[in-house]
Amino acid sequence: MAESVTSEPRADSEQLSRSLAQLGQLILGKDQPLRLALCCLLARGHLLIEDIPGVGKTTLANGLARTLGLALKRVQFTSDLLPADILGTSIFDREANRFVFHPGPLFAQLVLADEVNR
């Protein structure tokens, strides 16, 4: 059975236009990449941005998170990065006498993987 659509296309279109305008004020002259990034996230896809340093990749991630109201976490890929640094870890709580899982950045709605090439 198909899900019923409860939103109004005109209101959704206006919200998308406002979001693109906000991003456009943050990152100047990159209208097409902004549209593509927003479309990718709305389609629940993954987005890989490769470019030279200093062109606004991190700023784009921060702007998308703020504009869409998403939780953003950043992972700095270094040579000593461990799986627990990304996934999180379980830490023993003496008062509760049990292990408590502390989620890592991978559990955010938007994850910025920085310097993956290192």
PDB file of N, CA and C in Angstrom:
ATOM      1  N   MET A   1       0.845  -1.171   0.000  1.00  0.00           N
ATOM      2  CA  MET A   1       0.000   0.000   0.000  1.00  0.00           C
ATOM      3  C   MET A   1       0.895   1.240   0.000  1.00  0.00           C
ATOM      4  N   ALA A   2       0.603   2.183  -0.843  1.00  0.00           N
ATOM      5  CA  ALA A   2       1.388   3.409  -0.942  1.00  0.00           C
ATOM      6  C   ALA A   2       1.055   4.346   0.214  1.00  0.00           C
ATOM      7  N   GLU A   3       2.078   5.091   0.639  1.00  0.00           N
ATOM      8  CA  GLU A   3       1.863   6.076   1.699  1.00  0.00           C
ATOM      9  C   GLU A   3       1.159   7.293   1.114  1.00  0.00           C
ATOM     10  N   SER A   4       0.311   7.912   1.898  1.00  0.00           N
ATOM     11  CA  SER A   4      -0.366   9.115   1.427  1.00  0.00           C
ATOM     12  C   SER A   4       0.544  10.321   1.623  1.00  0.00           C
ATOM     13  N   VAL A   5       0.485  11.226   0.685  1.00  0.00           N
ATOM     14  CA  VAL A   5       1.289  12.441   0.737  1.00  0.00           C
ATOM     15  C   VAL A   5       0.483  13.503   1.463  1.00  0.00           C
ATOM     16  N   THR A   6       1.076  14.078   2.501  1.00  0.00           N
ATOM     17  CA  THR A   6       0.345  15.061   3.300  1.00  0.00           C
ATOM     18  C   THR A   6       0.858  16.479   3.111  1.00  0.00           C
ATOM     19  N   SER A   7       1.971  16.655   2.408  1.00  0.00           N
ATOM     20  CA  SER A   7       2.505  18.001   2.255  1.00  0.00           C
ATOM     21  C   SER A   7       1.976  18.642   0.974  1.00  0.00           C
ATOM     22  N   GLU A   8       2.098  19.940   0.920  1.00  0.00           N
ATOM     23  CA  GLU A   8       1.658  20.714  -0.232  1.00  0.00           C
ATOM     24  C   GLU A   8       2.862  20.997  -1.121  1.00  0.00           C
ATOM     25  N   PRO A   9       2.811  20.639  -2.400  1.00  0.00           N
ATOM     26  CA  PRO A   9       3.955  20.860  -3.289  1.00  0.00           C
ATOM     27  C   PRO A   9       4.394  22.321  -3.352  1.00  0.00           C
ATOM     28  N   ARG A  10       3.451  23.256  -3.337  1.00  0.00           N
ATOM     29  CA  ARG A  10       3.813  24.668  -3.418  1.00  0.00           C
ATOM     30  C   ARG A  10       4.592  25.099  -2.169  1.00  0.00           C
ATOM     31  N   ALA A  11       4.139  24.662  -1.004  1.00  0.00           N
ATOM     32  CA  ALA A  11       4.833  25.010   0.240  1.00  0.00           C
ATOM     33  C   ALA A  11       6.218  24.364   0.276  1.00  0.00           C
ATOM     34  N   ASP A  12       6.313  23.127  -0.195  1.00  0.00           N
ATOM     35  CA  ASP A  12       7.609  22.453  -0.231  1.00  0.00           C
ATOM     36  C   ASP A  12       8.564  23.170  -1.178  1.00  0.00           C
ATOM     37  N   SER A  13       8.052  23.584  -2.324  1.00  0.00           N
ATOM     38  CA  SER A  13       8.866  24.298  -3.302  1.00  0.00           C
ATOM     39  C   SER A  13       9.366  25.625  -2.737  1.00  0.00           C
ATOM     40  N   GLU A  14       8.503  26.322  -2.024  1.00  0.00           N
ATOM     41  CA  GLU A  14       8.900  27.593  -1.412  1.00  0.00           C
ATOM     42  C   GLU A  14       9.960  27.375  -0.341  1.00  0.00           C
ATOM     43  N   GLN A  15       9.814  26.310   0.443  1.00  0.00           N
ATOM     44  CA  GLN A  15      10.802  26.002   1.476  1.00  0.00           C
ATOM     45  C   GLN A  15      12.152  25.669   0.836  1.00  0.00           C
ATOM     46  N   LEU A  16      12.138  24.909  -0.243  1.00  0.00           N
ATOM     47  CA  LEU A  16      13.382  24.586  -0.943  1.00  0.00           C
ATOM     48  C   LEU A  16      14.035  25.849  -1.502  1.00  0.00           C
ATOM     49  N   SER A  17      13.230  26.741  -2.041  1.00  0.00           N
ATOM     50  CA  SER A  17      13.764  28.003  -2.569  1.00  0.00           C
ATOM     51  C   SER A  17      14.398  28.827  -1.458  1.00  0.00           C
ATOM     52  N   ARG A  18      13.757  28.864  -0.295  1.00  0.00           N
ATOM     53  CA  ARG A  18      14.330  29.593   0.846  1.00  0.00           C
ATOM     54  C   ARG A  18      15.641  28.947   1.295  1.00  0.00           C
ATOM     55  N   SER A  19      15.671  27.623   1.320  1.00  0.00           N
ATOM     56  CA  SER A  19      16.887  26.915   1.726  1.00  0.00           C
ATOM     57  C   SER A  19      18.024  27.200   0.754  1.00  0.00           C
ATOM     58  N   LEU A  20      17.732  27.165  -0.539  1.00  0.00           N
ATOM     59  CA  LEU A  20      18.759  27.467  -1.539  1.00  0.00           C
ATOM     60  C   LEU A  20      19.230  28.916  -1.432  1.00  0.00           C
ATOM     61  N   ALA A  21      18.319  29.827  -1.138  1.00  0.00           N
ATOM     62  CA  ALA A  21      18.694  31.232  -0.976  1.00  0.00           C
ATOM     63  C   ALA A  21      19.619  31.408   0.226  1.00  0.00           C
ATOM     64  N   GLN A  22      19.313  30.719   1.333  1.00  0.00           N
ATOM     65  CA  GLN A  22      20.178  30.792   2.516  1.00  0.00           C
ATOM     66  C   GLN A  22      21.563  30.248   2.203  1.00  0.00           C
ATOM     67  N   LEU A  23      21.616  29.107   1.526  1.00  0.00           N
ATOM     68  CA  LEU A  23      22.908  28.526   1.164  1.00  0.00           C
ATOM     69  C   LEU A  23      23.652  29.425   0.181  1.00  0.00           C
ATOM     70  N   GLY A  24      22.913  30.052  -0.734  1.00  0.00           N
ATOM     71  CA  GLY A  24      23.525  30.944  -1.711  1.00  0.00           C
ATOM     72  C   GLY A  24      24.153  32.172  -1.082  1.00  0.00           C
ATOM     73  N   GLN A  25      23.625  32.629   0.052  1.00  0.00           N
ATOM     74  CA  GLN A  25      24.229  33.752   0.768  1.00  0.00           C
ATOM     75  C   GLN A  25      25.512  33.324   1.468  1.00  0.00           C
ATOM     76  N   LEU A  26      25.582  32.060   1.830  1.00  0.00           N
ATOM     77  CA  LEU A  26      26.747  31.528   2.534  1.00  0.00           C
ATOM     78  C   LEU A  26      27.879  31.190   1.565  1.00  0.00           C
ATOM     79  N   ILE A  27      27.525  30.593   0.439  1.00  0.00           N
ATOM     80  CA  ILE A  27      28.510  30.181  -0.564  1.00  0.00           C
ATOM     81  C   ILE A  27      28.139  30.872  -1.869  1.00  0.00           C
ATOM     82  N   LEU A  28      28.944  31.819  -2.273  1.00  0.00           N
ATOM     83  CA  LEU A  28      28.629  32.653  -3.429  1.00  0.00           C
ATOM     84  C   LEU A  28      29.086  32.008  -4.736  1.00  0.00           C
ATOM     85  N   GLY A  29      28.262  32.133  -5.767  1.00  0.00           N
ATOM     86  CA  GLY A  29      28.640  31.714  -7.104  1.00  0.00           C
ATOM     87  C   GLY A  29      28.652  30.221  -7.355  1.00  0.00           C
ATOM     88  N   LYS A  30      28.025  29.443  -6.519  1.00  0.00           N
ATOM     89  CA  LYS A  30      28.020  27.982  -6.673  1.00  0.00           C
ATOM     90  C   LYS A  30      26.582  27.456  -6.681  1.00  0.00           C
ATOM     91  N   ASP A  31      25.715  28.070  -7.466  1.00  0.00           N
ATOM     92  CA  ASP A  31      24.297  27.709  -7.448  1.00  0.00           C
ATOM     93  C   ASP A  31      24.046  26.255  -7.842  1.00  0.00           C
ATOM     94  N   GLN A  32      24.668  25.800  -8.925  1.00  0.00           N
ATOM     95  CA  GLN A  32      24.431  24.431  -9.384  1.00  0.00           C
ATOM     96  C   GLN A  32      24.921  23.395  -8.371  1.00  0.00           C
ATOM     97  N   PRO A  33      26.147  23.506  -7.829  1.00  0.00           N
ATOM     98  CA  PRO A  33      26.562  22.542  -6.799  1.00  0.00           C
ATOM     99  C   PRO A  33      25.662  22.562  -5.561  1.00  0.00           C
ATOM    100  N   LEU A  34      25.151  23.735  -5.190  1.00  0.00           N
ATOM    101  CA  LEU A  34      24.243  23.814  -4.046  1.00  0.00           C
ATOM    102  C   LEU A  34      22.945  23.063  -4.328  1.00  0.00           C
ATOM    103  N   ARG A  35      22.405  23.244  -5.521  1.00  0.00           N
ATOM    104  CA  ARG A  35      21.178  22.525  -5.897  1.00  0.00           C
ATOM    105  C   ARG A  35      21.403  21.015  -5.887  1.00  0.00           C
ATOM    106  N   LEU A  36      22.531  20.592  -6.445  1.00  0.00           N
ATOM    107  CA  LEU A  36      22.824  19.159  -6.502  1.00  0.00           C
ATOM    108  C   LEU A  36      23.020  18.570  -5.107  1.00  0.00           C
ATOM    109  N   ALA A  37      23.700  19.308  -4.238  1.00  0.00           N
ATOM    110  CA  ALA A  37      23.916  18.823  -2.869  1.00  0.00           C
ATOM    111  C   ALA A  37      22.588  18.692  -2.133  1.00  0.00           C
ATOM    112  N   LEU A  38      21.731  19.676  -2.276  1.00  0.00           N
ATOM    113  CA  LEU A  38      20.423  19.633  -1.621  1.00  0.00           C
ATOM    114  C   LEU A  38      19.568  18.495  -2.181  1.00  0.00           C
ATOM    115  N   CYS A  39      19.585  18.318  -3.491  1.00  0.00           N
ATOM    116  CA  CYS A  39      18.833  17.209  -4.112  1.00  0.00           C
ATOM    117  C   CYS A  39      19.339  15.865  -3.613  1.00  0.00           C
ATOM    118  N   CYS A  40      20.637  15.730  -3.490  1.00  0.00           N
ATOM    119  CA  CYS A  40      21.223  14.478  -3.019  1.00  0.00           C
ATOM    120  C   CYS A  40      20.745  14.145  -1.614  1.00  0.00           C
ATOM    121  N   LEU A  41      20.756  15.117  -0.732  1.00  0.00           N
ATOM    122  CA  LEU A  41      20.325  14.871   0.644  1.00  0.00           C
ATOM    123  C   LEU A  41      18.823  14.602   0.728  1.00  0.00           C
ATOM    124  N   LEU A  42      18.040  15.295  -0.069  1.00  0.00           N
ATOM    125  CA  LEU A  42      16.594  15.063  -0.063  1.00  0.00           C
ATOM    126  C   LEU A  42      16.245  13.680  -0.603  1.00  0.00           C
ATOM    127  N   ALA A  43      17.105  13.146  -1.475  1.00  0.00           N
ATOM    128  CA  ALA A  43      16.890  11.804  -2.022  1.00  0.00           C
ATOM    129  C   ALA A  43      17.502  10.726  -1.126  1.00  0.00           C
ATOM    130  N   ARG A  44      17.959  11.136   0.063  1.00  0.00           N
ATOM    131  CA  ARG A  44      18.579  10.228   1.033  1.00  0.00           C
ATOM    132  C   ARG A  44      19.815   9.545   0.469  1.00  0.00           C
ATOM    133  N   GLY A  45      20.573  10.296  -0.310  1.00  0.00           N
ATOM    134  CA  GLY A  45      21.778   9.759  -0.918  1.00  0.00           C
ATOM    135  C   GLY A  45      23.023  10.175  -0.166  1.00  0.00           C
ATOM    136  N   HIS A  46      24.141   9.734  -0.686  1.00  0.00           N
ATOM    137  CA  HIS A  46      25.440  10.110  -0.147  1.00  0.00           C
ATOM    138  C   HIS A  46      26.037  11.152  -1.081  1.00  0.00           C
ATOM    139  N   LEU A  47      26.837  12.025  -0.520  1.00  0.00           N
ATOM    140  CA  LEU A  47      27.398  13.121  -1.295  1.00  0.00           C
ATOM    141  C   LEU A  47      28.904  13.138  -1.094  1.00  0.00           C
ATOM    142  N   LEU A  48      29.647  13.021  -2.181  1.00  0.00           N
ATOM    143  CA  LEU A  48      31.102  13.101  -2.138  1.00  0.00           C
ATOM    144  C   LEU A  48      31.516  14.380  -2.841  1.00  0.00           C
ATOM    145  N   ILE A  49      32.210  15.244  -2.113  1.00  0.00           N
ATOM    146  CA  ILE A  49      32.686  16.496  -2.684  1.00  0.00           C
ATOM    147  C   ILE A  49      34.205  16.464  -2.645  1.00  0.00           C
ATOM    148  N   GLU A  50      34.811  16.503  -3.815  1.00  0.00           N
ATOM    149  CA  GLU A  50      36.266  16.527  -3.916  1.00  0.00           C
ATOM    150  C   GLU A  50      36.674  17.821  -4.605  1.00  0.00           C
ATOM    151  N   ASP A  51      37.647  18.504  -4.030  1.00  0.00           N
ATOM    152  CA  ASP A  51      38.135  19.738  -4.630  1.00  0.00           C
ATOM    153  C   ASP A  51      39.412  20.142  -3.914  1.00  0.00           C
ATOM    154  N   ILE A  52      40.026  21.185  -4.406  1.00  0.00           N
ATOM    155  CA  ILE A  52      41.240  21.690  -3.781  1.00  0.00           C
ATOM    156  C   ILE A  52      40.886  22.351  -2.445  1.00  0.00           C
ATOM    157  N   PRO A  53      41.877  22.524  -1.567  1.00  0.00           N
ATOM    158  CA  PRO A  53      41.597  23.161  -0.270  1.00  0.00           C
ATOM    159  C   PRO A  53      41.120  24.605  -0.426  1.00  0.00           C
ATOM    160  N   GLY A  54      40.207  24.993   0.458  1.00  0.00           N
ATOM    161  CA  GLY A  54      39.801  26.388   0.547  1.00  0.00           C
ATOM    162  C   GLY A  54      38.668  26.824  -0.350  1.00  0.00           C
ATOM    163  N   VAL A  55      37.910  25.889  -0.924  1.00  0.00           N
ATOM    164  CA  VAL A  55      36.824  26.293  -1.821  1.00  0.00           C
ATOM    165  C   VAL A  55      35.445  26.202  -1.178  1.00  0.00           C
ATOM    166  N   GLY A  56      35.359  25.780   0.093  1.00  0.00           N
ATOM    167  CA  GLY A  56      34.090  25.824   0.811  1.00  0.00           C
ATOM    168  C   GLY A  56      33.401  24.497   1.036  1.00  0.00           C
ATOM    169  N   LYS A  57      34.123  23.407   0.989  1.00  0.00           N
ATOM    170  CA  LYS A  57      33.488  22.095   1.200  1.00  0.00           C
ATOM    171  C   LYS A  57      32.953  21.956   2.622  1.00  0.00           C
ATOM    172  N   THR A  58      33.750  22.321   3.600  1.00  0.00           N
ATOM    173  CA  THR A  58      33.314  22.246   4.995  1.00  0.00           C
ATOM    174  C   THR A  58      32.217  23.270   5.264  1.00  0.00           C
ATOM    175  N   THR A  59      32.335  24.440   4.683  1.00  0.00           N
ATOM    176  CA  THR A  59      31.306  25.469   4.829  1.00  0.00           C
ATOM    177  C   THR A  59      29.985  24.991   4.240  1.00  0.00           C
ATOM    178  N   LEU A  60      30.048  24.285   3.121  1.00  0.00           N
ATOM    179  CA  LEU A  60      28.835  23.729   2.518  1.00  0.00           C
ATOM    180  C   LEU A  60      28.177  22.723   3.453  1.00  0.00           C
ATOM    181  N   ALA A  61      28.963  21.844   4.052  1.00  0.00           N
ATOM    182  CA  ALA A  61      28.405  20.849   4.980  1.00  0.00           C
ATOM    183  C   ALA A  61      27.763  21.538   6.181  1.00  0.00           C
ATOM    184  N   ASN A  62      28.447  22.521   6.740  1.00  0.00           N
ATOM    185  CA  ASN A  62      27.889  23.264   7.876  1.00  0.00           C
ATOM    186  C   ASN A  62      26.610  23.999   7.478  1.00  0.00           C
ATOM    187  N   GLY A  63      26.611  24.610   6.313  1.00  0.00           N
ATOM    188  CA  GLY A  63      25.436  25.337   5.845  1.00  0.00           C
ATOM    189  C   GLY A  63      24.253  24.420   5.585  1.00  0.00           C
ATOM    190  N   LEU A  64      24.503  23.266   4.987  1.00  0.00           N
ATOM    191  CA  LEU A  64      23.427  22.300   4.758  1.00  0.00           C
ATOM    192  C   LEU A  64      22.826  21.838   6.079  1.00  0.00           C
ATOM    193  N   ALA A  65      23.687  21.560   7.040  1.00  0.00           N
ATOM    194  CA  ALA A  65      23.195  21.096   8.341  1.00  0.00           C
ATOM    195  C   ALA A  65      22.344  22.167   9.012  1.00  0.00           C
ATOM    196  N   ARG A  66      22.821  23.408   9.013  1.00  0.00           N
ATOM    197  CA  ARG A  66      22.064  24.488   9.651  1.00  0.00           C
ATOM    198  C   ARG A  66      20.758  24.773   8.915  1.00  0.00           C
ATOM    199  N   THR A  67      20.828  24.822   7.594  1.00  0.00           N
ATOM    200  CA  THR A  67      19.643  25.141   6.801  1.00  0.00           C
ATOM    201  C   THR A  67      18.560  24.080   6.933  1.00  0.00           C
ATOM    202  N   LEU A  68      18.967  22.812   6.957  1.00  0.00           N
ATOM    203  CA  LEU A  68      18.002  21.718   7.027  1.00  0.00           C
ATOM    204  C   LEU A  68      17.704  21.272   8.452  1.00  0.00           C
ATOM    205  N   GLY A  69      18.391  21.864   9.429  1.00  0.00           N
ATOM    206  CA  GLY A  69      18.160  21.501  10.828  1.00  0.00           C
ATOM    207  C   GLY A  69      18.659  20.107  11.165  1.00  0.00           C
ATOM    208  N   LEU A  70      19.803  19.734  10.607  1.00  0.00           N
ATOM    209  CA  LEU A  70      20.363  18.402  10.825  1.00  0.00           C
ATOM    210  C   LEU A  70      21.526  18.453  11.805  1.00  0.00           C
ATOM    211  N   ALA A  71      21.738  17.342  12.497  1.00  0.00           N
ATOM    212  CA  ALA A  71      22.890  17.215  13.390  1.00  0.00           C
ATOM    213  C   ALA A  71      24.113  16.881  12.542  1.00  0.00           C
ATOM    214  N   LEU A  72      25.158  17.690  12.645  1.00  0.00           N
ATOM    215  CA  LEU A  72      26.389  17.493  11.879  1.00  0.00           C
ATOM    216  C   LEU A  72      27.507  17.054  12.807  1.00  0.00           C
ATOM    217  N   LYS A  73      28.224  16.030  12.406  1.00  0.00           N
ATOM    218  CA  LYS A  73      29.432  15.594  13.113  1.00  0.00           C
ATOM    219  C   LYS A  73      30.545  15.464  12.094  1.00  0.00           C
ATOM    220  N   ARG A  74      31.759  15.722  12.539  1.00  0.00           N
ATOM    221  CA  ARG A  74      32.924  15.697  11.655  1.00  0.00           C
ATOM    222  C   ARG A  74      33.892  14.623  12.117  1.00  0.00           C
ATOM    223  N   VAL A  75      34.425  13.867  11.158  1.00  0.00           N
ATOM    224  CA  VAL A  75      35.449  12.868  11.443  1.00  0.00           C
ATOM    225  C   VAL A  75      36.707  13.298  10.708  1.00  0.00           C
ATOM    226  N   GLN A  76      37.778  13.525  11.446  1.00  0.00           N
ATOM    227  CA  GLN A  76      39.062  13.871  10.848  1.00  0.00           C
ATOM    228  C   GLN A  76      39.839  12.576  10.644  1.00  0.00           C
ATOM    229  N   PHE A  77      40.015  12.190   9.403  1.00  0.00           N
ATOM    230  CA  PHE A  77      40.720  10.946   9.112  1.00  0.00           C
ATOM    231  C   PHE A  77      42.216  11.167   9.272  1.00  0.00           C
ATOM    232  N   THR A  78      42.787  10.458  10.211  1.00  0.00           N
ATOM    233  CA  THR A  78      44.222  10.501  10.469  1.00  0.00           C
ATOM    234  C   THR A  78      44.746   9.077  10.427  1.00  0.00           C
ATOM    235  N   SER A  79      46.052   8.933  10.450  1.00  0.00           N
ATOM    236  CA  SER A  79      46.649   7.599  10.367  1.00  0.00           C
ATOM    237  C   SER A  79      46.358   6.756  11.603  1.00  0.00           C
ATOM    238  N   ASP A  80      46.044   7.375  12.727  1.00  0.00           N
ATOM    239  CA  ASP A  80      45.780   6.617  13.955  1.00  0.00           C
ATOM    240  C   ASP A  80      44.284   6.493  14.271  1.00  0.00           C
ATOM    241  N   LEU A  81      43.421   6.738  13.298  1.00  0.00           N
ATOM    242  CA  LEU A  81      41.975   6.648  13.501  1.00  0.00           C
ATOM    243  C   LEU A  81      41.560   5.201  13.757  1.00  0.00           C
ATOM    244  N   LEU A  82      40.754   5.000  14.773  1.00  0.00           N
ATOM    245  CA  LEU A  82      40.269   3.667  15.136  1.00  0.00           C
ATOM    246  C   LEU A  82      38.773   3.557  14.838  1.00  0.00           C
ATOM    247  N   PRO A  83      38.267   2.335  14.645  1.00  0.00           N
ATOM    248  CA  PRO A  83      36.824   2.168  14.413  1.00  0.00           C
ATOM    249  C   PRO A  83      35.967   2.787  15.514  1.00  0.00           C
ATOM    250  N   ALA A  84      36.408   2.687  16.754  1.00  0.00           N
ATOM    251  CA  ALA A  84      35.641   3.262  17.867  1.00  0.00           C
ATOM    252  C   ALA A  84      35.546   4.782  17.763  1.00  0.00           C
ATOM    253  N   ASP A  85      36.517   5.416  17.106  1.00  0.00           N
ATOM    254  CA  ASP A  85      36.476   6.867  16.922  1.00  0.00           C
ATOM    255  C   ASP A  85      35.319   7.286  16.018  1.00  0.00           C
ATOM    256  N   ILE A  86      34.872   6.385  15.171  1.00  0.00           N
ATOM    257  CA  ILE A  86      33.781   6.670  14.243  1.00  0.00           C
ATOM    258  C   ILE A  86      32.458   6.114  14.762  1.00  0.00           C
ATOM    259  N   LEU A  87      32.500   4.869  15.240  1.00  0.00           N
ATOM    260  CA  LEU A  87      31.276   4.183  15.661  1.00  0.00           C
ATOM    261  C   LEU A  87      30.823   4.547  17.063  1.00  0.00           C
ATOM    262  N   GLY A  88      31.762   4.808  17.945  1.00  0.00           N
ATOM    263  CA  GLY A  88      31.452   5.037  19.347  1.00  0.00           C
ATOM    264  C   GLY A  88      31.983   3.886  20.181  1.00  0.00           C
ATOM    265  N   THR A  89      31.724   3.944  21.466  1.00  0.00           N
ATOM    266  CA  THR A  89      32.254   2.917  22.356  1.00  0.00           C
ATOM    267  C   THR A  89      31.323   2.715  23.544  1.00  0.00           C
ATOM    268  N   SER A  90      31.457   1.560  24.163  1.00  0.00           N
ATOM    269  CA  SER A  90      30.697   1.265  25.382  1.00  0.00           C
ATOM    270  C   SER A  90      31.589   1.529  26.583  1.00  0.00           C
ATOM    271  N   ILE A  91      31.084   2.290  27.530  1.00  0.00           N
ATOM    272  CA  ILE A  91      31.833   2.645  28.734  1.00  0.00           C
ATOM    273  C   ILE A  91      31.059   2.140  29.939  1.00  0.00           C
ATOM    274  N   PHE A  92      31.786   1.550  30.866  1.00  0.00           N
ATOM    275  CA  PHE A  92      31.144   0.971  32.044  1.00  0.00           C
ATOM    276  C   PHE A  92      30.691   2.067  32.998  1.00  0.00           C
ATOM    277  N   ASP A  93      29.425   1.999  33.399  1.00  0.00           N
ATOM    278  CA  ASP A  93      28.838   2.932  34.358  1.00  0.00           C
ATOM    279  C   ASP A  93      28.763   2.214  35.701  1.00  0.00           C
ATOM    280  N   ARG A  94      29.579   2.647  36.660  1.00  0.00           N
ATOM    281  CA  ARG A  94      29.635   1.970  37.959  1.00  0.00           C
ATOM    282  C   ARG A  94      28.320   2.079  38.723  1.00  0.00           C
ATOM    283  N   GLU A  95      27.676   3.222  38.638  1.00  0.00           N
ATOM    284  CA  GLU A  95      26.420   3.414  39.372  1.00  0.00           C
ATOM    285  C   GLU A  95      25.321   2.488  38.859  1.00  0.00           C
ATOM    286  N   ALA A  96      25.232   2.325  37.558  1.00  0.00           N
ATOM    287  CA  ALA A  96      24.202   1.459  36.974  1.00  0.00           C
ATOM    288  C   ALA A  96      24.682   0.015  36.848  1.00  0.00           C
ATOM    289  N   ASN A  97      25.975  -0.201  37.050  1.00  0.00           N
ATOM    290  CA  ASN A  97      26.585  -1.527  36.967  1.00  0.00           C
ATOM    291  C   ASN A  97      26.334  -2.172  35.591  1.00  0.00           C
ATOM    292  N   ARG A  98      26.523  -1.340  34.545  1.00  0.00           N
ATOM    293  CA  ARG A  98      26.343  -1.849  33.184  1.00  0.00           C
ATOM    294  C   ARG A  98      27.136  -0.968  32.218  1.00  0.00           C
ATOM    295  N   PHE A  99      27.299  -1.500  31.017  1.00  0.00           N
ATOM    296  CA  PHE A  99      27.965  -0.733  29.977  1.00  0.00           C
ATOM    297  C   PHE A  99      26.951   0.180  29.289  1.00  0.00           C
ATOM    298  N   VAL A 100      27.366   1.402  29.028  1.00  0.00           N
ATOM    299  CA  VAL A 100      26.517   2.383  28.347  1.00  0.00           C
ATOM    300  C   VAL A 100      27.196   2.755  27.034  1.00  0.00           C
ATOM    301  N   PHE A 101      26.453   2.640  25.949  1.00  0.00           N
ATOM    302  CA  PHE A 101      27.007   2.964  24.635  1.00  0.00           C
ATOM    303  C   PHE A 101      26.984   4.469  24.407  1.00  0.00           C
ATOM    304  N   HIS A 102      28.126   5.004  24.013  1.00  0.00           N
ATOM    305  CA  HIS A 102      28.261   6.417  23.658  1.00  0.00           C
ATOM    306  C   HIS A 102      28.483   6.472  22.151  1.00  0.00           C
ATOM    307  N   PRO A 103      27.463   6.873  21.402  1.00  0.00           N
ATOM    308  CA  PRO A 103      27.576   6.837  19.942  1.00  0.00           C
ATOM    309  C   PRO A 103      28.622   7.811  19.415  1.00  0.00           C
ATOM    310  N   GLY A 104      29.284   7.390  18.368  1.00  0.00           N
ATOM    311  CA  GLY A 104      30.275   8.226  17.709  1.00  0.00           C
ATOM    312  C   GLY A 104      29.638   9.098  16.645  1.00  0.00           C
ATOM    313  N   PRO A 105      30.453   9.799  15.885  1.00  0.00           N
ATOM    314  CA  PRO A 105      29.932  10.734  14.891  1.00  0.00           C
ATOM    315  C   PRO A 105      29.146  10.072  13.761  1.00  0.00           C
ATOM    316  N   LEU A 106      29.340   8.790  13.544  1.00  0.00           N
ATOM    317  CA  LEU A 106      28.623   8.108  12.471  1.00  0.00           C
ATOM    318  C   LEU A 106      27.111   8.105  12.683  1.00  0.00           C
ATOM    319  N   PHE A 107      26.667   8.330  13.897  1.00  0.00           N
ATOM    320  CA  PHE A 107      25.244   8.306  14.206  1.00  0.00           C
ATOM    321  C   PHE A 107      24.569   9.665  14.021  1.00  0.00           C
ATOM    322  N   ALA A 108      25.280  10.645  13.510  1.00  0.00           N
ATOM    323  CA  ALA A 108      24.683  11.954  13.219  1.00  0.00           C
ATOM    324  C   ALA A 108      23.882  11.872  11.922  1.00  0.00           C
ATOM    325  N   GLN A 109      23.045  12.852  11.710  1.00  0.00           N
ATOM    326  CA  GLN A 109      22.250  12.888  10.482  1.00  0.00           C
ATOM    327  C   GLN A 109      23.093  13.269   9.273  1.00  0.00           C
ATOM    328  N   LEU A 110      24.131  14.068   9.507  1.00  0.00           N
ATOM    329  CA  LEU A 110      25.040  14.483   8.441  1.00  0.00           C
ATOM    330  C   LEU A 110      26.457  14.311   8.964  1.00  0.00           C
ATOM    331  N   VAL A 111      27.255  13.512   8.269  1.00  0.00           N
ATOM    332  CA  VAL A 111      28.620  13.223   8.707  1.00  0.00           C
ATOM    333  C   VAL A 111      29.588  13.801   7.688  1.00  0.00           C
ATOM    334  N   LEU A 112      30.509  14.615   8.161  1.00  0.00           N
ATOM    335  CA  LEU A 112      31.553  15.180   7.319  1.00  0.00           C
ATOM    336  C   LEU A 112      32.816  14.367   7.544  1.00  0.00           C
ATOM    337  N   ALA A 113      33.225  13.615   6.530  1.00  0.00           N
ATOM    338  CA  ALA A 113      34.459  12.831   6.593  1.00  0.00           C
ATOM    339  C   ALA A 113      35.544  13.665   5.931  1.00  0.00           C
ATOM    340  N   ASP A 114      36.432  14.218   6.738  1.00  0.00           N
ATOM    341  CA  ASP A 114      37.431  15.164   6.251  1.00  0.00           C
ATOM    342  C   ASP A 114      38.775  14.482   6.068  1.00  0.00           C
ATOM    343  N   GLU A 115      39.455  14.832   4.983  1.00  0.00           N
ATOM    344  CA  GLU A 115      40.791  14.314   4.669  1.00  0.00           C
ATOM    345  C   GLU A 115      40.814  12.795   4.579  1.00  0.00           C
ATOM    346  N   VAL A 116      39.886  12.211   3.831  1.00  0.00           N
ATOM    347  CA  VAL A 116      39.801  10.760   3.680  1.00  0.00           C
ATOM    348  C   VAL A 116      41.028  10.216   2.962  1.00  0.00           C
ATOM    349  N   ASN A 117      41.684  11.035   2.179  1.00  0.00           N
ATOM    350  CA  ASN A 117      42.819  10.587   1.379  1.00  0.00           C
ATOM    351  C   ASN A 117      44.092  10.343   2.180  1.00  0.00           C
ATOM    352  N   ARG A 118      44.115  10.655   3.441  1.00  0.00           N
ATOM    353  CA  ARG A 118      45.356  10.517   4.215  1.00  0.00           C
ATOM    354  C   ARG A 118      45.548   9.138   4.741  1.00  0.00           C
TER     355      ARG A 118
END
